[in-house]
């Protein structure tokens, strides 16, 4: 998805900037175009159920009009601490926090997270894209630290189960399928989600969700986090919104959202993506209430070009929204 000049002129009028303490009503389902260090001080107390944070990693990277410079690990840790500390008062007592990083930044994230949160797990997801290296192992994974404000938190494991092809279809003594079922599309097992995600596809040029943001996270990845760690109508907050994936997925899944992003173009991209949702609630790789492995689109479509029912419709949440 791209922006033209007309899009930018129209969409930037929706963006807000905070210069005084704001009520939740003023920021609900809005994109805040502002530096995180300016905006955080004006956010209301205890309004967030789930935070998804994809900050700049500790490397040299350009994000349209802004750039991030690699620094010593100790300095990166101080930078993380400088805004994580400000997040605490915005969280509800049962809030969950997910923080993304790569292998170089993961240690610093852990050190800061353990200072303020209960660390519940570290998720590692595989990137199927990545450049090879002649003198090192190919870098094709990233981490997501799953934290909570306390040990009293929401986690819906049934909402994030995986549908996997059965390689060894064992049967019991009666000849019945053991922990799997057979359909016209093949043999499948519904499995509990692990902390190693190998089913993630990084957005590429032909995917509708793709933008020119250099570190865009897939909608499928964010959907796993939102479905597991929030309830319908909960508030999902992303302080480094980028091109809007967190807000987009939150809207598709019947959650409310707030996002902060310093770059105007990315803010406008987020708004354009939100507009484009309409009644289309599909998330690639998620249908029939389960997540599918990579390269199973034909199976999801039952082999006839018609995608299985995606349980993301307004009707699913109508009686659960406040």
Protein backbone atom coordinates (compact mmCIF):
# COMPACT_ATOMS: atom_id res chain seq x y z
CA UNK A 1 0.00 0.00 0.00
CA UNK A 2 1.29 3.45 -0.95
CA UNK A 3 0.34 7.08 -0.36
CA UNK A 4 -0.18 9.81 -2.94
CA UNK A 5 -0.20 13.55 -2.21
CA UNK A 6 -3.99 13.61 -2.00
CA UNK A 7 -3.94 10.80 0.57
CA UNK A 8 -1.42 12.64 2.71
CA UNK A 9 -3.34 15.93 2.65
CA UNK A 10 -6.56 14.17 3.59
CA UNK A 11 -5.28 11.74 6.18
CA UNK A 12 -2.90 14.01 8.11
CA UNK A 13 -5.92 16.04 9.24
CA UNK A 14 -6.96 13.07 11.39
CA UNK A 15 -3.67 12.85 13.25
CA UNK A 16 -3.48 14.31 16.73
CA UNK A 17 -0.69 15.83 18.80
CA UNK A 18 -0.83 16.12 22.58
CA UNK A 19 0.21 19.28 24.43
CA UNK A 20 -1.67 18.66 27.67
CA UNK A 21 -2.98 15.69 29.64
CA UNK A 22 -5.53 13.81 27.53
CA UNK A 23 -8.53 11.73 28.50
CA UNK A 24 -8.90 8.28 27.00
CA UNK A 25 -11.87 9.51 24.98
CA UNK A 26 -9.58 11.98 23.22
CA UNK A 27 -7.09 9.31 22.11
CA UNK A 28 -9.37 6.28 21.62
CA UNK A 29 -8.86 4.70 18.18
CA UNK A 30 -6.52 7.52 17.17
CA UNK A 31 -3.04 7.86 15.72
CA UNK A 32 -0.82 10.27 17.65
CA UNK A 33 1.76 11.94 15.40
CA UNK A 34 4.45 12.78 17.92
CA UNK A 35 7.74 11.79 19.47
CA UNK A 36 7.17 9.10 22.09
CA UNK A 37 9.00 11.12 24.75
CA UNK A 38 6.65 14.08 24.23
CA UNK A 39 3.42 12.09 24.01
CA UNK A 40 3.86 9.62 26.89
CA UNK A 41 3.68 12.31 29.57
CA UNK A 42 0.20 13.36 28.39
CA UNK A 43 -1.41 9.92 28.24
CA UNK A 44 -4.00 8.97 30.89
CA UNK A 45 -3.24 6.63 33.77
CA UNK A 46 -4.16 2.93 33.78
CA UNK A 47 -5.90 2.71 30.41
CA UNK A 48 -3.89 0.00 28.61
CA UNK A 49 -4.72 -3.72 28.58
CA UNK A 50 -2.02 -4.77 26.12
CA UNK A 51 1.14 -3.08 24.86
CA UNK A 52 2.85 -4.27 21.70
CA UNK A 53 6.22 -2.59 21.27
CA UNK A 54 8.42 -2.90 18.19
CA UNK A 55 11.13 -0.30 18.92
CA UNK A 56 14.15 0.45 16.74
CA UNK A 57 16.66 -2.36 17.24
CA UNK A 58 20.22 -1.54 18.18
CA UNK A 59 21.51 -1.08 14.66
CA UNK A 60 21.81 1.63 12.03
CA UNK A 61 18.45 1.96 10.32
CA UNK A 62 16.64 4.71 8.41
CA UNK A 63 12.89 5.10 8.85
CA UNK A 64 11.82 7.51 6.12
CA UNK A 65 12.68 10.95 7.62
CA UNK A 66 14.24 9.66 10.85
CA UNK A 67 17.12 7.34 11.60
CA UNK A 68 18.42 5.28 14.51
CA UNK A 69 22.13 4.84 15.18
CA UNK A 70 23.71 1.76 16.70
CA UNK A 71 25.13 2.32 20.18
CA UNK A 72 26.89 0.36 22.89
CA UNK A 73 24.62 -2.21 24.54
CA UNK A 74 24.70 -0.31 27.84
CA UNK A 75 23.57 2.88 26.11
CA UNK A 76 20.80 1.04 24.27
CA UNK A 77 19.63 -0.36 27.59
CA UNK A 78 19.49 3.18 29.03
CA UNK A 79 17.50 4.33 26.01
CA UNK A 80 15.00 1.49 26.47
CA UNK A 81 14.68 2.27 30.18
CA UNK A 82 14.02 5.95 29.45
CA UNK A 83 10.64 5.21 27.82
CA UNK A 84 9.71 1.87 29.41
CA UNK A 85 9.70 3.59 32.81
CA UNK A 86 7.17 6.10 31.48
CA UNK A 87 4.87 3.33 30.25
CA UNK A 88 4.21 1.85 33.67
CA UNK A 89 1.59 4.34 34.87
CA UNK A 90 -0.45 3.86 31.65
CA UNK A 91 -0.94 0.14 32.31
CA UNK A 92 -3.87 -1.54 33.98
CA UNK A 93 -2.91 -3.91 36.84
CA UNK A 94 -3.51 -7.01 34.68
CA UNK A 95 -1.80 -5.63 31.55
CA UNK A 96 0.48 -7.63 29.27
CA UNK A 97 3.53 -6.25 27.48
CA UNK A 98 5.29 -7.63 24.40
CA UNK A 99 8.63 -6.16 23.34
CA UNK A 100 10.33 -7.10 20.04
CA UNK A 101 14.07 -7.34 19.47
CA UNK A 102 16.82 -9.11 17.59
CA UNK A 103 19.74 -11.09 18.99
CA UNK A 104 21.83 -7.95 19.60
CA UNK A 105 19.13 -6.04 21.48
CA UNK A 106 17.50 -8.96 23.29
CA UNK A 107 19.85 -8.90 26.28
CA UNK A 108 19.20 -5.22 26.92
CA UNK A 109 15.44 -5.77 26.60
CA UNK A 110 15.62 -8.57 29.16
CA UNK A 111 17.54 -6.39 31.63
CA UNK A 112 15.01 -3.56 31.39
CA UNK A 113 11.96 -5.84 31.36
CA UNK A 114 12.97 -7.70 34.52
CA UNK A 115 13.32 -4.35 36.30
CA UNK A 116 9.67 -3.41 35.77
CA UNK A 117 7.70 -6.52 34.77
CA UNK A 118 7.15 -10.20 35.37
CA UNK A 119 8.82 -11.93 32.42
CA UNK A 120 6.61 -14.83 31.35
CA UNK A 121 8.38 -16.07 28.22
CA UNK A 122 10.55 -15.30 25.22
CA UNK A 123 9.06 -16.01 21.82
CA UNK A 124 11.39 -16.56 18.88
CA UNK A 125 9.97 -16.27 15.38
CA UNK A 126 11.65 -17.34 12.17
CA UNK A 127 12.04 -14.92 9.30
CA UNK A 128 11.95 -16.89 6.07
CA UNK A 129 13.75 -14.04 4.36
CA UNK A 130 17.28 -12.87 5.10
CA UNK A 131 20.67 -12.51 3.50
CA UNK A 132 23.23 -15.26 3.80
CA UNK A 133 26.57 -14.63 5.48
CA UNK A 134 29.94 -16.07 4.45
CA UNK A 135 31.56 -15.78 7.89
CA UNK A 136 28.60 -16.21 10.23
CA UNK A 137 25.27 -17.94 10.64
CA UNK A 138 22.45 -16.43 8.60
CA UNK A 139 20.40 -14.09 10.78
CA UNK A 140 16.78 -15.18 10.29
CA UNK A 141 15.09 -14.97 13.69
CA UNK A 142 13.80 -12.32 16.08
CA UNK A 143 12.61 -12.35 19.68
CA UNK A 144 9.48 -11.09 21.39
CA UNK A 145 9.62 -10.82 25.18
CA UNK A 146 6.25 -11.60 26.78
CA UNK A 147 5.88 -9.74 30.08
CA UNK A 148 3.08 -8.84 32.46
CA UNK A 149 2.67 -6.24 35.15
CA UNK A 150 1.82 -8.97 37.67
CA UNK A 151 1.15 -12.70 37.78
CA UNK A 152 -2.56 -11.98 37.43
CA UNK A 153 -3.08 -11.60 33.69
CA UNK A 154 -5.26 -12.74 30.77
CA UNK A 155 -4.05 -15.43 28.36
CA UNK A 156 -6.43 -17.22 25.99
CA UNK A 157 -4.55 -20.26 24.71
CA UNK A 158 -7.57 -21.57 22.80
CA UNK A 159 -7.59 -18.45 20.63
CA UNK A 160 -4.09 -19.07 19.25
CA UNK A 161 -3.91 -22.78 18.50
CA UNK A 162 -2.15 -24.05 15.37
CA UNK A 163 -3.49 -26.32 12.66
CA UNK A 164 -0.65 -28.53 11.46
CA UNK A 165 -0.38 -31.26 8.87
CA UNK A 166 0.07 -34.69 10.42
CA UNK A 167 3.26 -36.37 9.25
CA UNK A 168 2.83 -39.55 11.30
CA UNK A 169 -0.93 -40.21 11.62
CA UNK A 170 -1.02 -42.56 14.60
CA UNK A 171 -4.19 -44.52 15.40
CA UNK A 172 -5.35 -46.10 18.63
CA UNK A 173 -6.06 -49.80 19.17
CA UNK A 174 -9.51 -49.38 17.65
CA UNK A 175 -8.09 -47.88 14.48
CA UNK A 176 -9.37 -44.38 15.28
CA UNK A 177 -7.31 -41.26 14.67
CA UNK A 178 -5.22 -40.29 17.68
CA UNK A 179 -5.10 -36.53 18.30
CA UNK A 180 -5.80 -35.69 14.65
CA UNK A 181 -8.63 -35.62 12.15
CA UNK A 182 -8.96 -36.25 8.44
CA UNK A 183 -10.77 -33.98 6.02
CA UNK A 184 -10.96 -33.58 2.25
CA UNK A 185 -7.83 -31.43 2.48
CA UNK A 186 -5.75 -33.98 4.38
CA UNK A 187 -4.83 -35.01 7.90
CA UNK A 188 -4.46 -32.24 10.51
CA UNK A 189 -3.85 -31.81 14.22
CA UNK A 190 -4.83 -28.81 16.34
CA UNK A 191 -1.86 -28.08 18.59
CA UNK A 192 -1.06 -25.80 21.49
CA UNK A 193 1.07 -22.78 20.53
CA UNK A 194 4.75 -22.84 21.46
CA UNK A 195 7.26 -20.05 21.93
CA UNK A 196 8.92 -20.87 18.60
CA UNK A 197 6.94 -19.51 15.65
CA UNK A 198 7.85 -20.95 12.25
CA UNK A 199 4.63 -20.01 10.47
CA UNK A 200 5.32 -16.28 10.05
CA UNK A 201 5.66 -14.70 6.59
CA UNK A 202 7.26 -11.27 6.44
CA UNK A 203 5.12 -8.97 4.22
CA UNK A 204 6.32 -8.83 0.62
CA UNK A 205 5.32 -6.79 -2.42
CA UNK A 206 2.23 -8.77 -3.48
CA UNK A 207 0.65 -8.97 -0.01
CA UNK A 208 -2.15 -6.41 0.55
CA UNK A 209 -0.74 -5.52 3.99
CA UNK A 210 2.71 -4.63 2.63
CA UNK A 211 4.01 -1.05 2.97
CA UNK A 212 7.42 0.53 2.46
CA UNK A 213 8.16 0.54 6.20
CA UNK A 214 11.53 -1.25 6.55
CA UNK A 215 10.69 -3.28 9.67
CA UNK A 216 6.97 -3.91 9.28
CA UNK A 217 5.66 -6.81 11.36
CA UNK A 218 3.15 -9.22 9.78
CA UNK A 219 -0.52 -8.93 10.73
CA UNK A 220 -0.49 -12.64 11.57
CA UNK A 221 2.23 -12.16 14.18
CA UNK A 222 0.42 -9.27 15.85
CA UNK A 223 -2.88 -11.19 15.71
CA UNK A 224 -1.37 -13.99 17.80
CA UNK A 225 -0.36 -11.50 20.48
CA UNK A 226 -3.70 -9.67 20.50
CA UNK A 227 -5.84 -12.82 20.53
CA UNK A 228 -3.81 -14.42 23.31
CA UNK A 229 -3.40 -11.43 25.61
CA UNK A 230 -6.51 -9.29 25.23
CA UNK A 231 -10.27 -9.60 25.17
CA UNK A 232 -12.75 -8.01 22.75
CA UNK A 233 -13.06 -4.26 23.38
CA UNK A 234 -9.77 -4.15 25.33
CA UNK A 235 -7.32 -1.31 24.65
CA UNK A 236 -4.19 -2.17 22.64
CA UNK A 237 -1.38 0.39 22.67
CA UNK A 238 1.64 0.65 20.36
CA UNK A 239 4.11 3.47 21.15
CA UNK A 240 6.17 2.81 17.98
CA UNK A 241 3.28 2.33 15.57
CA UNK A 242 5.19 2.46 12.29
CA UNK A 243 2.80 1.94 9.39
CA UNK A 244 -0.03 0.89 11.68
CA UNK A 245 -0.10 -2.90 11.83
CA UNK A 246 -1.02 -3.05 15.53
CA UNK A 247 -3.94 -0.64 15.15
CA UNK A 248 -5.13 -2.40 11.99
CA UNK A 249 -5.13 -5.85 13.59
CA UNK A 250 -6.71 -4.53 16.78
CA UNK A 251 -9.57 -3.07 14.73
CA UNK A 252 -10.02 -6.29 12.77
CA UNK A 253 -10.21 -8.26 16.00
CA UNK A 254 -12.72 -6.01 17.76
CA UNK A 255 -10.29 -4.23 20.08
CA UNK A 256 -9.78 -0.52 20.65
CA UNK A 257 -6.39 0.97 19.89
CA UNK A 258 -3.99 3.87 20.42
CA UNK A 259 -0.76 4.37 18.48
CA UNK A 260 2.15 6.82 18.60
CA UNK A 261 4.38 7.40 15.57
CA UNK A 262 6.89 10.17 14.93
CA UNK A 263 6.83 10.01 11.11
CA UNK A 264 3.90 11.69 9.34
CA UNK A 265 4.00 9.44 6.28
CA UNK A 266 3.80 6.29 8.38
CA UNK A 267 0.95 7.81 10.41
CA UNK A 268 -0.95 8.47 7.19
CA UNK A 269 -0.24 4.95 5.97
CA UNK A 270 -1.72 3.65 9.21
CA UNK A 271 -4.87 5.71 8.67
CA UNK A 272 -5.18 4.56 5.05
CA UNK A 273 -4.86 0.93 6.13
CA UNK A 274 -7.50 1.45 8.80
CA UNK A 275 -9.83 2.92 6.17
CA UNK A 276 -9.23 -0.02 3.87
CA UNK A 277 -10.45 -2.57 6.41
CA UNK A 278 -14.16 -1.88 5.87
CA UNK A 279 -15.93 -5.21 6.34
CA UNK A 280 -12.81 -7.15 5.39
CA UNK A 281 -11.62 -8.87 8.57
CA UNK A 282 -9.27 -11.44 7.04
CA UNK A 283 -5.77 -11.97 8.37
CA UNK A 284 -3.48 -14.02 6.18
CA UNK A 285 -2.76 -17.39 7.77
CA UNK A 286 -5.70 -17.27 10.21
CA UNK A 287 -9.07 -18.85 9.48
CA UNK A 288 -11.60 -21.14 11.13
CA UNK A 289 -10.39 -19.78 14.47
CA UNK A 290 -6.90 -21.30 14.13
CA UNK A 291 -3.51 -20.32 12.74
CA UNK A 292 -2.24 -22.27 9.75
CA UNK A 293 1.29 -23.15 8.70
CA UNK A 294 3.01 -21.32 5.86
CA UNK A 295 2.09 -22.17 2.27
CA UNK A 296 -1.34 -23.61 3.10
CA UNK A 297 -3.51 -21.03 1.36
CA UNK A 298 -4.99 -23.65 -0.97
CA UNK A 299 -6.05 -25.78 1.99
CA UNK A 300 -7.56 -22.74 3.71
CA UNK A 301 -9.54 -22.14 0.53
CA UNK A 302 -10.71 -25.77 0.41
CA UNK A 303 -9.02 -26.08 -2.95
CA UNK A 304 -11.81 -24.15 -4.66
CA UNK A 305 -10.71 -20.53 -4.33
CA UNK A 306 -13.13 -19.87 -1.48
CA UNK A 307 -11.49 -19.18 1.84
CA UNK A 308 -12.80 -20.94 4.92
CA UNK A 309 -14.90 -18.90 7.28
CA UNK A 310 -12.69 -16.43 9.13
CA UNK A 311 -13.96 -15.91 12.63
CA UNK A 312 -13.26 -12.21 12.75
CA UNK A 313 -16.66 -10.84 11.80
CA UNK A 314 -18.56 -8.16 13.68
CA UNK A 315 -21.17 -10.79 14.58
CA UNK A 316 -18.61 -12.83 16.51
CA UNK A 317 -18.00 -9.94 18.90
CA UNK A 318 -21.33 -8.14 18.81
CA UNK A 319 -22.56 -9.67 22.02
CA UNK A 320 -19.17 -9.35 23.73
CA UNK A 321 -18.39 -5.69 23.14
CA UNK A 322 -19.16 -3.19 25.84
